[in-house]
Amino acid sequence: KKSDKKTTKNMNVITRAIESDGSVTILELRRKTKLSQSGVYEILSALKVSGKIRRVGPDKGGCWEVIG
C-alpha cells in the first residue's frame, strides 16, 4: 500500500534525524516529514514499540537514542 511506503519513508527520515541529533524536537520532525504532530507521535511510538529508538531522560531536557 502507498501509505505503508510513506510510513516507512517517514520512519527512516525520523530515525536519521535522531541519529544526527538526539535532541531533535517534534516541530523539527514535523518540518522534515510534513506530518501533523499526532502523525509524528504515531511514528515515534511505532519506533519505540519496535525497539528501534528510546527516550533517555525527561520530556524536557531529554533526548532520543537510536538502538542498534
N, C-alpha and C. Protein backbone atom coordinates (compact mmCIF):
# COMPACT_ATOMS: atom_id res chain seq x y z
N LYS A 1 0.83 -1.20 0.00
CA LYS A 1 0.00 0.00 0.00
C LYS A 1 0.87 1.25 0.00
N LYS A 2 0.31 2.30 -0.59
CA LYS A 2 1.05 3.57 -0.65
C LYS A 2 1.33 4.11 0.74
N SER A 3 0.35 4.02 1.65
CA SER A 3 0.53 4.56 2.99
C SER A 3 1.64 3.83 3.75
N ASP A 4 1.79 2.53 3.49
CA ASP A 4 2.87 1.77 4.14
C ASP A 4 4.23 2.28 3.69
N LYS A 5 4.38 2.55 2.38
CA LYS A 5 5.64 3.07 1.85
C LYS A 5 5.94 4.43 2.45
N LYS A 6 4.91 5.26 2.56
CA LYS A 6 5.08 6.61 3.10
C LYS A 6 5.47 6.52 4.59
N THR A 7 4.83 5.62 5.32
CA THR A 7 5.15 5.44 6.74
C THR A 7 6.59 4.98 6.91
N THR A 8 7.01 4.02 6.10
CA THR A 8 8.39 3.53 6.15
C THR A 8 9.36 4.65 5.84
N LYS A 9 9.05 5.45 4.83
CA LYS A 9 9.90 6.58 4.45
C LYS A 9 10.01 7.56 5.62
N ASN A 10 8.87 7.89 6.23
CA ASN A 10 8.88 8.82 7.36
C ASN A 10 9.61 8.24 8.58
N MET A 11 9.49 6.94 8.79
CA MET A 11 10.24 6.29 9.88
C MET A 11 11.74 6.45 9.64
N ASN A 12 12.16 6.26 8.40
CA ASN A 12 13.58 6.41 8.06
C ASN A 12 14.04 7.85 8.25
N VAL A 13 13.21 8.81 7.83
CA VAL A 13 13.55 10.23 7.98
C VAL A 13 13.72 10.56 9.47
N ILE A 14 12.78 10.11 10.28
CA ILE A 14 12.82 10.39 11.73
C ILE A 14 14.02 9.70 12.38
N THR A 15 14.27 8.46 12.01
CA THR A 15 15.41 7.73 12.58
C THR A 15 16.72 8.42 12.25
N ARG A 16 16.88 8.85 11.00
CA ARG A 16 18.11 9.56 10.60
C ARG A 16 18.24 10.90 11.34
N ALA A 17 17.13 11.58 11.51
CA ALA A 17 17.16 12.87 12.22
C ALA A 17 17.61 12.66 13.67
N ILE A 18 17.12 11.59 14.29
CA ILE A 18 17.50 11.29 15.67
C ILE A 18 18.97 10.88 15.75
N GLU A 19 19.44 10.12 14.76
CA GLU A 19 20.86 9.72 14.73
C GLU A 19 21.76 10.95 14.66
N SER A 20 21.37 11.95 13.87
CA SER A 20 22.23 13.11 13.73
C SER A 20 22.07 14.10 14.88
N ASP A 21 20.90 14.10 15.54
CA ASP A 21 20.67 14.99 16.68
C ASP A 21 19.62 14.39 17.59
N GLY A 22 20.06 13.78 18.68
CA GLY A 22 19.15 13.14 19.63
C GLY A 22 18.19 14.11 20.29
N SER A 23 18.53 15.40 20.25
CA SER A 23 17.68 16.43 20.87
C SER A 23 16.71 17.06 19.88
N VAL A 24 16.54 16.43 18.72
CA VAL A 24 15.64 16.96 17.70
C VAL A 24 14.24 17.12 18.29
N THR A 25 13.57 18.21 17.93
CA THR A 25 12.25 18.49 18.50
C THR A 25 11.14 17.94 17.61
N ILE A 26 9.95 17.82 18.20
CA ILE A 26 8.78 17.38 17.44
C ILE A 26 8.54 18.34 16.28
N LEU A 27 8.69 19.64 16.53
CA LEU A 27 8.49 20.64 15.48
C LEU A 27 9.45 20.41 14.31
N GLU A 28 10.71 20.13 14.62
CA GLU A 28 11.69 19.86 13.56
C GLU A 28 11.32 18.59 12.79
N LEU A 29 10.85 17.57 13.51
CA LEU A 29 10.44 16.33 12.84
C LEU A 29 9.21 16.57 11.97
N ARG A 30 8.32 17.44 12.43
CA ARG A 30 7.15 17.78 11.62
C ARG A 30 7.58 18.45 10.32
N ARG A 31 8.56 19.34 10.41
CA ARG A 31 9.04 20.04 9.21
C ARG A 31 9.69 19.06 8.24
N LYS A 32 10.48 18.14 8.77
CA LYS A 32 11.19 17.17 7.91
C LYS A 32 10.24 16.20 7.22
N THR A 33 9.18 15.79 7.94
CA THR A 33 8.27 14.77 7.40
C THR A 33 7.00 15.34 6.79
N LYS A 34 6.72 16.62 7.08
CA LYS A 34 5.47 17.26 6.66
C LYS A 34 4.25 16.54 7.24
N LEU A 35 4.42 15.98 8.43
CA LEU A 35 3.32 15.31 9.13
C LEU A 35 2.73 16.22 10.19
N SER A 36 1.54 15.87 10.66
CA SER A 36 0.94 16.56 11.80
C SER A 36 1.68 16.14 13.07
N GLN A 37 1.41 16.84 14.15
CA GLN A 37 2.04 16.47 15.42
C GLN A 37 1.65 15.05 15.81
N SER A 38 0.37 14.71 15.66
CA SER A 38 -0.06 13.36 16.02
C SER A 38 0.56 12.32 15.10
N GLY A 39 0.79 12.68 13.84
CA GLY A 39 1.46 11.76 12.91
C GLY A 39 2.89 11.46 13.34
N VAL A 40 3.59 12.50 13.80
CA VAL A 40 4.97 12.31 14.29
C VAL A 40 4.95 11.44 15.54
N TYR A 41 4.04 11.73 16.47
CA TYR A 41 3.94 10.93 17.70
C TYR A 41 3.63 9.47 17.39
N GLU A 42 2.77 9.25 16.39
CA GLU A 42 2.40 7.89 16.00
C GLU A 42 3.63 7.12 15.52
N ILE A 43 4.46 7.76 14.69
CA ILE A 43 5.66 7.11 14.17
C ILE A 43 6.68 6.90 15.29
N LEU A 44 6.86 7.90 16.16
CA LEU A 44 7.78 7.74 17.29
C LEU A 44 7.34 6.56 18.16
N SER A 45 6.04 6.46 18.39
CA SER A 45 5.51 5.36 19.19
C SER A 45 5.80 4.01 18.53
N ALA A 46 5.58 3.93 17.23
CA ALA A 46 5.84 2.68 16.50
C ALA A 46 7.32 2.32 16.56
N LEU A 47 8.19 3.33 16.44
CA LEU A 47 9.64 3.08 16.51
C LEU A 47 10.05 2.62 17.92
N LYS A 48 9.40 3.18 18.94
CA LYS A 48 9.70 2.77 20.32
C LYS A 48 9.25 1.34 20.56
N VAL A 49 8.02 1.02 20.14
CA VAL A 49 7.46 -0.32 20.33
C VAL A 49 8.30 -1.38 19.62
N SER A 50 8.80 -1.02 18.43
CA SER A 50 9.60 -1.99 17.66
C SER A 50 11.05 -2.06 18.15
N GLY A 51 11.39 -1.23 19.16
CA GLY A 51 12.74 -1.29 19.73
C GLY A 51 13.81 -0.59 18.92
N LYS A 52 13.42 0.30 18.01
CA LYS A 52 14.41 0.98 17.18
C LYS A 52 14.95 2.26 17.83
N ILE A 53 14.12 2.90 18.67
CA ILE A 53 14.55 4.10 19.37
C ILE A 53 14.09 4.03 20.82
N ARG A 54 14.70 4.87 21.65
CA ARG A 54 14.22 5.01 23.03
C ARG A 54 14.46 6.43 23.49
N ARG A 55 13.67 6.82 24.48
CA ARG A 55 13.77 8.15 25.06
C ARG A 55 14.66 8.06 26.28
N VAL A 56 15.66 8.94 26.36
CA VAL A 56 16.56 8.98 27.50
C VAL A 56 16.31 10.29 28.24
N GLY A 57 15.92 10.21 29.49
CA GLY A 57 15.66 11.41 30.27
C GLY A 57 14.22 11.89 30.12
N PRO A 58 13.93 13.04 30.72
CA PRO A 58 12.56 13.57 30.73
C PRO A 58 12.15 14.15 29.38
N ASP A 59 10.85 14.47 29.25
CA ASP A 59 10.35 15.08 28.02
C ASP A 59 11.08 16.37 27.71
N LYS A 60 11.27 17.19 28.72
CA LYS A 60 12.03 18.43 28.51
C LYS A 60 13.46 18.18 29.00
N GLY A 61 14.41 18.36 28.12
CA GLY A 61 15.81 18.18 28.50
C GLY A 61 16.36 16.79 28.21
N GLY A 62 15.49 15.86 27.83
CA GLY A 62 15.95 14.52 27.48
C GLY A 62 16.30 14.46 26.01
N CYS A 63 16.60 13.26 25.53
CA CYS A 63 16.92 13.11 24.11
C CYS A 63 16.49 11.74 23.64
N TRP A 64 16.47 11.59 22.33
CA TRP A 64 16.17 10.30 21.69
C TRP A 64 17.46 9.58 21.39
N GLU A 65 17.38 8.27 21.36
CA GLU A 65 18.56 7.45 21.04
C GLU A 65 18.13 6.33 20.11
N VAL A 66 18.89 6.16 19.02
CA VAL A 66 18.64 5.05 18.10
C VAL A 66 19.33 3.82 18.66
N ILE A 67 18.62 2.70 18.73
CA ILE A 67 19.17 1.47 19.29
C ILE A 67 19.61 0.57 18.13
N GLY A 68 20.84 0.10 18.19
CA GLY A 68 21.33 -0.82 17.16
C GLY A 68 21.75 -0.16 15.96
